[in-house]
N, C-alpha and C. Protein backbone atom coordinates (compact mmCIF):
# COMPACT_ATOMS: atom_id res chain seq x y z
N MET A 1 7.33 12.58 23.08
CA MET A 1 6.14 11.99 22.70
C MET A 1 7.05 10.67 21.82
N ARG A 2 6.96 9.52 21.40
CA ARG A 2 7.38 8.48 20.80
C ARG A 2 6.78 8.37 19.65
N CYS A 3 7.59 8.40 18.22
CA CYS A 3 6.46 8.97 17.27
C CYS A 3 6.65 7.79 16.08
N PHE A 4 6.03 7.10 15.42
CA PHE A 4 6.29 6.40 14.76
C PHE A 4 5.27 6.70 13.22
N VAL A 5 5.40 6.61 11.98
CA VAL A 5 4.22 6.70 11.14
C VAL A 5 4.10 5.38 10.67
N ALA A 6 2.70 5.28 10.28
CA ALA A 6 2.03 3.59 10.56
C ALA A 6 0.75 3.68 9.19
N VAL A 7 0.76 3.07 8.69
CA VAL A 7 -0.81 2.50 8.03
C VAL A 7 -1.39 1.79 8.80
N ASP A 8 -2.31 2.18 9.52
CA ASP A 8 -3.41 1.59 10.39
C ASP A 8 -4.32 0.53 9.52
N LEU A 9 -4.75 -0.87 10.35
CA LEU A 9 -5.76 -1.50 9.53
C LEU A 9 -7.11 -1.51 9.44
N THR A 10 -7.52 -2.30 8.63
CA THR A 10 -9.54 -3.13 8.63
C THR A 10 -9.37 -3.56 9.72
N THR A 11 -10.57 -3.61 10.30
CA THR A 11 -10.85 -4.86 11.06
C THR A 11 -10.74 -6.17 10.53
N ASP A 12 -11.21 -6.81 9.20
CA ASP A 12 -10.96 -7.99 8.88
C ASP A 12 -9.65 -8.29 8.59
N VAL A 13 -8.34 -7.33 8.52
CA VAL A 13 -7.15 -7.59 8.43
C VAL A 13 -6.70 -7.54 9.99
N ARG A 14 -7.13 -7.24 10.92
CA ARG A 14 -6.68 -7.46 12.13
C ARG A 14 -7.07 -8.43 12.56
N ALA A 15 -8.05 -8.68 12.38
CA ALA A 15 -8.72 -10.34 13.27
C ALA A 15 -8.18 -11.57 12.53
N ALA A 16 -7.76 -11.24 11.06
CA ALA A 16 -7.08 -12.30 10.34
C ALA A 16 -5.74 -12.64 10.88
N ILE A 17 -5.22 -11.49 11.05
CA ILE A 17 -3.80 -11.66 11.90
C ILE A 17 -3.51 -12.13 13.17
N ALA A 18 -4.92 -11.45 13.88
CA ALA A 18 -5.23 -11.88 15.49
C ALA A 18 -5.26 -13.03 15.37
N ARG A 19 -5.67 -14.06 14.39
CA ARG A 19 -6.15 -15.44 14.19
C ARG A 19 -4.50 -16.22 14.21
N ALA A 20 -3.51 -15.33 13.38
CA ALA A 20 -2.61 -16.17 13.22
C ALA A 20 -1.41 -16.21 14.30
N GLN A 21 -1.54 -15.17 14.92
CA GLN A 21 -0.87 -14.46 16.41
C GLN A 21 -1.29 -15.52 17.16
N THR A 22 -2.80 -15.84 17.53
CA THR A 22 -3.15 -16.84 18.41
C THR A 22 -2.62 -18.33 17.83
N ARG A 23 -2.37 -19.09 16.53
CA ARG A 23 -1.81 -20.24 16.34
C ARG A 23 -0.34 -20.27 16.66
N VAL A 24 0.04 -18.99 16.53
CA VAL A 24 1.84 -18.93 16.75
C VAL A 24 1.96 -19.37 18.39
N ARG A 25 0.98 -18.51 19.50
CA ARG A 25 0.93 -18.43 20.44
C ARG A 25 0.90 -19.71 21.03
N THR A 26 -0.23 -20.36 20.48
CA THR A 26 -0.21 -22.15 21.19
C THR A 26 1.02 -22.88 20.79
N ALA A 27 1.52 -22.84 19.59
CA ALA A 27 2.80 -23.46 19.45
C ALA A 27 3.84 -22.88 20.04
N ALA A 28 3.79 -21.81 20.54
CA ALA A 28 4.96 -21.23 21.69
C ALA A 28 4.46 -21.21 22.48
N ALA A 29 3.80 -21.62 23.08
CA ALA A 29 3.33 -21.59 24.58
C ALA A 29 4.37 -21.22 25.89
N GLN A 30 5.53 -21.94 25.54
CA GLN A 30 6.96 -22.00 26.51
C GLN A 30 7.68 -20.83 26.16
N ALA A 31 7.27 -19.99 25.03
CA ALA A 31 8.55 -19.20 24.66
C ALA A 31 8.25 -17.83 25.33
N ASP A 32 9.19 -16.80 25.79
CA ASP A 32 9.07 -15.91 26.50
C ASP A 32 8.70 -14.57 25.48
N VAL A 33 7.49 -14.48 24.87
CA VAL A 33 7.14 -13.72 23.95
C VAL A 33 5.95 -12.49 24.97
N ARG A 34 6.36 -11.47 24.02
CA ARG A 34 5.64 -10.11 24.67
C ARG A 34 4.77 -9.84 23.59
N TRP A 35 3.22 -10.27 23.69
CA TRP A 35 3.03 -10.47 22.38
C TRP A 35 1.84 -9.13 22.06
N VAL A 36 1.79 -8.33 20.45
CA VAL A 36 1.09 -7.50 20.42
C VAL A 36 -0.10 -7.44 20.68
N ASP A 37 -1.16 -6.62 21.51
CA ASP A 37 -2.35 -6.43 21.39
C ASP A 37 -2.88 -6.65 19.90
N PRO A 38 -3.89 -7.15 19.42
CA PRO A 38 -4.49 -6.84 18.22
C PRO A 38 -4.53 -5.63 17.80
N THR A 39 -5.27 -4.94 18.97
CA THR A 39 -5.82 -3.39 18.48
C THR A 39 -4.60 -2.51 17.99
N GLN A 40 -3.15 -2.96 18.43
CA GLN A 40 -2.05 -2.02 18.20
C GLN A 40 -1.51 -2.82 17.23
N PHE A 41 -2.09 -3.78 16.08
CA PHE A 41 -1.25 -3.93 14.66
C PHE A 41 -1.39 -3.26 13.94
N HIS A 42 -0.11 -2.63 13.45
CA HIS A 42 0.07 -1.44 12.38
C HIS A 42 1.00 -1.86 11.24
N LEU A 43 1.12 -0.98 10.35
CA LEU A 43 2.25 -1.36 9.60
C LEU A 43 2.90 -0.18 9.49
N THR A 44 4.00 -0.30 10.20
CA THR A 44 4.52 0.92 10.24
C THR A 44 5.93 1.38 9.35
N LEU A 45 5.91 2.40 8.55
CA LEU A 45 6.38 3.27 7.26
C LEU A 45 7.66 3.92 8.02
N LYS A 46 7.85 4.17 9.04
CA LYS A 46 8.89 5.09 9.44
C LYS A 46 9.26 5.23 10.95
N PHE A 47 9.77 5.10 11.36
CA PHE A 47 9.91 5.05 13.46
C PHE A 47 10.78 6.58 13.39
N LEU A 48 10.16 7.47 14.00
CA LEU A 48 10.72 8.81 14.21
C LEU A 48 11.66 8.56 15.93
N GLY A 49 11.12 7.87 16.74
CA GLY A 49 11.71 8.01 18.15
C GLY A 49 10.96 9.09 18.73
N ALA A 50 11.83 9.15 19.84
CA ALA A 50 11.23 10.27 20.99
C ALA A 50 11.34 11.74 20.06
N VAL A 51 10.26 12.31 19.88
CA VAL A 51 10.05 13.57 19.33
C VAL A 51 9.74 14.51 20.18
N PRO A 52 10.11 15.77 20.79
CA PRO A 52 9.80 16.98 21.63
C PRO A 52 8.28 17.28 20.91
N ASP A 53 7.34 18.15 21.67
CA ASP A 53 5.85 18.30 21.16
C ASP A 53 6.46 19.33 20.49
N GLU A 54 6.80 20.35 20.47
CA GLU A 54 7.05 21.24 19.73
C GLU A 54 7.83 21.18 18.37
N ARG A 55 8.66 20.19 18.03
CA ARG A 55 8.63 19.65 16.84
C ARG A 55 7.30 19.24 15.80
N VAL A 56 6.50 18.82 16.60
CA VAL A 56 4.80 17.63 15.72
C VAL A 56 4.52 18.81 14.60
N PRO A 57 4.32 20.14 14.40
CA PRO A 57 3.41 20.56 13.94
C PRO A 57 4.37 20.44 12.30
N ALA A 58 5.48 21.03 12.61
CA ALA A 58 6.43 20.89 11.23
C ALA A 58 6.34 19.52 10.73
N MET A 59 6.60 18.84 11.51
CA MET A 59 6.43 16.86 11.23
C MET A 59 5.05 16.90 10.44
N ALA A 60 4.45 16.88 11.42
CA ALA A 60 2.69 16.81 10.51
C ALA A 60 2.79 17.47 9.09
N ALA A 61 3.45 18.81 9.26
CA ALA A 61 3.21 19.64 7.58
C ALA A 61 3.88 18.43 7.02
N ALA A 62 4.98 18.45 7.24
CA ALA A 62 5.81 17.81 6.28
C ALA A 62 5.18 16.40 5.68
N LEU A 63 4.90 15.82 6.55
CA LEU A 63 4.44 14.39 6.49
C LEU A 63 2.93 14.65 5.33
N GLY A 64 2.40 15.56 5.55
CA GLY A 64 0.83 15.62 4.64
C GLY A 64 1.48 16.14 3.12
N ALA A 65 2.27 16.85 3.53
CA ALA A 65 2.72 17.25 2.11
C ALA A 65 3.19 15.62 1.03
N ALA A 66 3.76 14.81 2.13
CA ALA A 66 4.20 14.31 1.44
C ALA A 66 3.16 12.55 1.09
N VAL A 67 2.31 12.52 1.94
CA VAL A 67 1.13 11.89 1.31
C VAL A 67 0.07 12.57 0.48
N ALA A 68 0.19 13.57 0.05
CA ALA A 68 -1.19 14.21 -0.48
C ALA A 68 -1.48 13.89 -1.32
N ASP A 69 -0.67 13.36 -2.24
CA ASP A 69 -0.89 13.07 -3.91
C ASP A 69 -1.12 11.61 -3.85
N THR A 70 -1.04 10.41 -2.50
CA THR A 70 -0.37 9.12 -2.80
C THR A 70 -2.17 8.64 -2.93
N ARG A 71 -2.42 7.81 -3.32
CA ARG A 71 -3.54 7.11 -3.92
C ARG A 71 -3.47 5.82 -3.05
N PRO A 72 -4.84 5.69 -2.76
CA PRO A 72 -4.99 3.94 -2.04
C PRO A 72 -4.10 3.29 -2.47
N LEU A 73 -3.79 2.35 -1.42
CA LEU A 73 -2.78 1.19 -1.52
C LEU A 73 -3.69 -0.46 -1.21
N GLY A 74 -3.38 -1.03 -2.31
CA GLY A 74 -4.21 -2.03 -2.13
C GLY A 74 -3.02 -3.47 -1.21
N LEU A 75 -3.19 -4.00 -0.15
CA LEU A 75 -2.45 -4.42 0.46
C LEU A 75 -2.51 -6.02 0.71
N ALA A 76 -1.80 -6.74 0.95
CA ALA A 76 -2.13 -8.33 1.33
C ALA A 76 -0.85 -8.87 2.28
N ALA A 77 -1.73 -9.17 3.28
CA ALA A 77 -0.67 -9.55 4.39
C ALA A 77 -0.88 -11.23 4.25
N ALA A 78 0.81 -11.77 4.55
CA ALA A 78 0.23 -13.39 4.10
C ALA A 78 1.76 -13.69 4.88
N GLY A 79 1.82 -14.91 5.26
CA GLY A 79 3.06 -15.49 5.61
C GLY A 79 3.47 -15.04 7.13
N LEU A 80 4.58 -15.93 7.93
CA LEU A 80 4.68 -15.46 9.41
C LEU A 80 6.42 -15.85 9.08
N GLY A 81 6.73 -15.04 10.31
CA GLY A 81 8.24 -15.09 10.29
C GLY A 81 8.90 -14.36 11.29
N GLY A 82 10.06 -14.23 11.38
CA GLY A 82 10.89 -13.30 12.48
C GLY A 82 12.21 -12.60 11.94
N PHE A 83 12.28 -11.75 12.29
CA PHE A 83 14.00 -11.00 12.40
C PHE A 83 14.43 -10.94 13.77
N PRO A 84 16.00 -11.74 13.55
CA PRO A 84 16.56 -11.73 11.50
C PRO A 84 16.09 -13.02 11.05
N SER A 85 15.73 -13.93 11.61
CA SER A 85 15.36 -15.04 11.35
C SER A 85 14.21 -15.72 12.53
N LEU A 86 13.46 -16.53 11.54
CA LEU A 86 12.68 -17.25 12.55
C LEU A 86 13.18 -18.18 13.87
N LYS A 87 14.32 -18.84 12.98
CA LYS A 87 14.76 -19.82 14.05
C LYS A 87 15.68 -19.15 15.23
N SER A 88 16.14 -17.61 14.98
CA SER A 88 16.63 -16.89 15.89
C SER A 88 15.97 -15.37 16.28
N ALA A 89 14.69 -15.34 16.20
CA ALA A 89 14.31 -14.48 16.06
C ALA A 89 13.96 -13.54 17.35
N ARG A 90 13.60 -12.37 17.14
CA ARG A 90 13.83 -11.37 17.88
C ARG A 90 12.58 -10.36 17.88
N VAL A 91 12.05 -10.69 16.64
CA VAL A 91 10.67 -9.95 16.17
C VAL A 91 10.24 -11.09 15.75
N LEU A 92 8.75 -11.05 15.76
CA LEU A 92 7.68 -12.14 15.00
C LEU A 92 7.00 -11.56 14.54
N TRP A 93 6.63 -11.60 12.94
CA TRP A 93 5.65 -11.07 12.39
C TRP A 93 5.19 -11.59 11.67
N ALA A 94 4.16 -11.09 10.91
CA ALA A 94 2.95 -11.34 9.73
C ALA A 94 3.55 -10.55 8.43
N GLY A 95 4.14 -10.92 7.07
CA GLY A 95 4.61 -10.28 6.05
C GLY A 95 3.18 -9.71 5.33
N ILE A 96 3.79 -8.76 4.66
CA ILE A 96 2.86 -8.27 3.27
C ILE A 96 3.45 -8.68 1.69
N THR A 97 2.41 -9.31 1.10
CA THR A 97 2.94 -9.56 0.08
C THR A 97 2.05 -8.90 -1.44
N ALA A 98 1.14 -8.34 -0.75
CA ALA A 98 1.16 -7.38 -2.12
C ALA A 98 1.25 -5.79 -1.63
N GLY A 99 1.29 -5.04 -2.72
CA GLY A 99 1.47 -3.59 -2.36
C GLY A 99 2.87 -3.04 -2.02
N VAL A 100 3.81 -4.03 -2.07
CA VAL A 100 5.06 -3.87 -1.16
C VAL A 100 5.90 -2.51 -2.00
N PRO A 101 6.45 -2.60 -3.54
CA PRO A 101 6.62 -1.50 -3.96
C PRO A 101 5.82 -0.12 -3.91
N GLU A 102 4.59 0.10 -3.62
CA GLU A 102 4.07 0.91 -3.33
C GLU A 102 4.85 1.43 -1.81
N LEU A 103 4.58 0.63 -0.71
CA LEU A 103 4.55 0.69 0.21
C LEU A 103 6.04 1.18 0.36
N ALA A 104 7.69 0.78 0.07
CA ALA A 104 8.08 1.05 -0.51
C ALA A 104 8.92 2.39 -1.10
N ARG A 105 7.91 2.45 -2.01
CA ARG A 105 8.00 4.24 -2.27
C ARG A 105 7.37 5.27 -1.46
N LEU A 106 6.50 4.98 -0.62
CA LEU A 106 5.74 5.38 0.23
C LEU A 106 6.66 6.33 1.38
N ALA A 107 7.57 4.68 1.79
CA ALA A 107 8.27 4.89 2.39
C ALA A 107 9.33 6.14 2.55
N ALA A 108 10.01 5.84 1.11
CA ALA A 108 11.18 6.86 0.55
C ALA A 108 10.70 7.93 0.76
N SER A 109 9.35 8.70 0.03
CA SER A 109 8.83 9.44 0.22
C SER A 109 8.83 10.25 1.78
N LEU A 110 8.63 9.31 2.72
CA LEU A 110 8.13 10.20 4.00
C LEU A 110 9.52 10.52 4.54
N ASP A 111 10.81 9.18 4.35
CA ASP A 111 12.14 9.62 4.08
C ASP A 111 12.43 11.18 3.75
N ARG A 112 12.42 11.42 2.49
CA ARG A 112 12.81 12.51 1.87
C ARG A 112 11.85 14.05 2.20
N ALA A 113 10.78 13.40 2.98
CA ALA A 113 9.60 14.42 3.31
C ALA A 113 10.82 15.11 5.12
N LEU A 114 11.12 14.05 5.46
CA LEU A 114 11.65 14.29 6.98
C LEU A 114 12.81 14.49 7.18
N ALA A 115 13.56 14.29 6.59
CA ALA A 115 15.48 14.51 6.51
C ALA A 115 15.59 15.93 6.57
N PRO A 116 14.68 16.85 6.05
CA PRO A 116 15.46 18.24 6.64
C PRO A 116 15.16 18.59 7.79
N LEU A 117 14.29 17.67 8.27
CA LEU A 117 13.55 17.66 9.74
C LEU A 117 14.74 17.35 11.21
N GLY A 118 15.97 16.85 9.94
CA GLY A 118 16.30 15.99 11.39
C GLY A 118 16.50 14.77 11.75
N PHE A 119 15.30 13.88 10.33
CA PHE A 119 15.09 12.52 10.87
C PHE A 119 16.20 12.03 9.75
N PRO A 120 16.96 11.01 10.11
CA PRO A 120 17.89 10.31 9.10
C PRO A 120 17.08 9.55 7.98
N PRO A 121 17.22 9.13 6.71
CA PRO A 121 16.60 8.15 6.19
C PRO A 121 17.55 6.83 6.36
N GLU A 122 16.40 5.80 6.44
CA GLU A 122 16.72 4.17 6.67
C GLU A 122 17.55 4.22 5.98
N SER A 123 18.46 3.79 6.72
CA SER A 123 19.94 2.84 5.91
C SER A 123 19.35 1.25 5.09
N ARG A 124 18.42 0.54 5.72
CA ARG A 124 18.02 -0.86 5.10
C ARG A 124 16.92 -0.28 4.31
N PRO A 125 16.75 -1.47 3.74
CA PRO A 125 15.75 -1.61 2.31
C PRO A 125 14.24 -1.88 3.28
N PHE A 126 13.48 -1.22 2.88
CA PHE A 126 11.89 -1.10 3.53
C PHE A 126 11.52 -2.93 3.58
N GLN A 127 10.85 -3.01 4.49
CA GLN A 127 10.38 -4.35 4.84
C GLN A 127 9.16 -4.50 5.62
N GLY A 128 8.24 -4.38 4.29
CA GLY A 128 6.89 -4.50 5.09
C GLY A 128 6.51 -5.70 6.13
N HIS A 129 5.98 -5.44 7.21
CA HIS A 129 5.76 -6.12 8.04
C HIS A 129 4.81 -5.54 9.23
N LEU A 130 4.09 -6.75 9.74
CA LEU A 130 2.92 -6.36 11.21
C LEU A 130 3.84 -7.28 12.08
N THR A 131 4.63 -6.69 12.90
CA THR A 131 4.79 -7.28 14.31
C THR A 131 3.76 -7.82 15.32
N ILE A 132 3.95 -8.97 15.34
CA ILE A 132 2.49 -9.78 16.48
C ILE A 132 3.11 -10.22 17.54
N GLY A 133 4.85 -9.74 18.00
CA GLY A 133 5.37 -10.53 19.24
C GLY A 133 6.67 -10.04 19.11
N ARG A 134 7.52 -9.94 20.32
CA ARG A 134 8.46 -9.58 20.99
C ARG A 134 9.14 -10.64 21.74
N MET A 135 10.18 -11.08 21.47
CA MET A 135 10.84 -11.95 22.57
C MET A 135 11.60 -11.19 23.54
N ARG A 136 11.23 -11.80 24.75
CA ARG A 136 11.79 -10.67 25.73
C ARG A 136 13.14 -11.68 26.33
N SER A 137 13.31 -12.92 26.09
CA SER A 137 14.67 -13.45 25.95
C SER A 137 14.46 -14.48 25.11
N PRO A 138 15.86 -15.32 24.74
CA PRO A 138 16.09 -16.73 23.67
C PRO A 138 15.53 -17.71 24.15
N ARG A 139 15.32 -17.82 25.44
CA ARG A 139 14.79 -19.23 25.64
C ARG A 139 13.40 -19.90 24.79
N SER A 140 13.86 -20.77 24.93
CA SER A 140 11.99 -21.57 24.12
C SER A 140 11.89 -20.83 22.85
N ARG A 141 12.69 -20.69 22.03
CA ARG A 141 12.07 -19.92 20.73
C ARG A 141 10.89 -20.27 20.15
N PRO A 142 10.03 -19.53 19.74
CA PRO A 142 9.06 -20.31 18.83
C PRO A 142 9.20 -20.99 17.77
N ARG A 143 8.25 -21.78 17.79
CA ARG A 143 8.30 -22.70 16.54
C ARG A 143 6.77 -22.16 15.49
N ALA A 144 7.28 -22.68 14.45
CA ALA A 144 5.97 -22.19 13.60
C ALA A 144 5.12 -23.12 13.92
N PRO A 145 3.85 -22.76 13.75
CA PRO A 145 2.36 -23.99 14.21
C PRO A 145 2.29 -25.10 12.92
N ARG A 146 1.97 -26.34 13.27
CA ARG A 146 1.90 -26.90 12.74
C ARG A 146 1.55 -26.97 11.54
N ARG A 147 0.29 -26.57 11.38
CA ARG A 147 -0.53 -26.65 9.85
C ARG A 147 -0.49 -25.29 9.45
N SER A 148 0.25 -24.69 9.69
CA SER A 148 0.82 -23.47 8.60
C SER A 148 2.69 -23.42 8.67
N ALA A 149 2.78 -23.63 7.35
CA ALA A 149 4.52 -23.76 7.35
C ALA A 149 4.68 -22.32 7.86
N PRO A 150 6.19 -22.19 7.88
CA PRO A 150 6.62 -20.70 8.47
C PRO A 150 6.43 -19.54 7.50
N GLY A 151 6.23 -20.12 6.45
CA GLY A 151 6.31 -18.78 5.30
C GLY A 151 4.53 -18.67 5.08
N ARG A 152 3.76 -19.02 5.64
CA ARG A 152 2.52 -19.13 5.11
C ARG A 152 1.51 -18.87 6.31
N LEU A 153 0.32 -18.05 6.00
CA LEU A 153 -1.08 -17.81 6.56
C LEU A 153 -1.74 -18.78 5.92
N PRO A 154 -3.29 -19.27 6.53
CA PRO A 154 -3.74 -19.88 5.61
C PRO A 154 -4.38 -19.41 4.10
N LYS A 155 -4.39 -18.10 4.00
CA LYS A 155 -4.86 -17.31 2.94
C LYS A 155 -4.33 -15.69 2.94
N SER A 156 -4.34 -15.16 1.94
CA SER A 156 -3.82 -13.87 1.76
C SER A 156 -5.32 -12.94 2.81
N TYR A 157 -4.78 -12.25 3.11
CA TYR A 157 -5.89 -10.95 3.68
C TYR A 157 -5.23 -9.31 2.98
N SER A 158 -6.54 -9.02 2.77
CA SER A 158 -6.26 -7.41 1.96
C SER A 158 -6.79 -6.32 2.45
N THR A 159 -6.33 -5.75 2.37
CA THR A 159 -6.96 -3.80 3.08
C THR A 159 -6.63 -2.64 1.91
N ARG A 160 -7.25 -1.65 2.07
CA ARG A 160 -6.84 -0.85 1.28
C ARG A 160 -6.64 0.46 2.48
N ALA A 161 -5.52 1.25 1.60
CA ALA A 161 -4.99 1.93 3.14
C ALA A 161 -4.89 3.43 1.99
N ALA A 162 -4.95 4.63 2.66
CA ALA A 162 -4.56 5.78 2.36
C ALA A 162 -3.55 6.51 3.11
């Protein structure tokens, strides 16, 4: 089973990100991008990869203990970009601008909880983002929509997550 730990999004945040994705799709019509279905938008905290079914109960117990005392988070999404950069993007994303320190602490807590089960901690700093598309090939890299600068959504959208 391919697993990851993520924060689900509220309907209004999902819709706002979908609208931003539509603007980018229009601007990047010639780009070879596999667009993420808006129903699949989520905020990944930890990617685990392939996990055998028999390991899932221990993993779920460790994650449950790691988040037991976590309070709801206030998050805001704003900004469009790409990894490693918008100009040479392999991944297109909407950024998280509020709640990032709390998300980073939560991701670190998950790392600590899963390390004894053989899941190595992340070597890179946590970068909260919502993937909206993945480049299939480098041809015709997408450009940011004209009405929205590369680092801007029209406004911030917030959600509360537990």
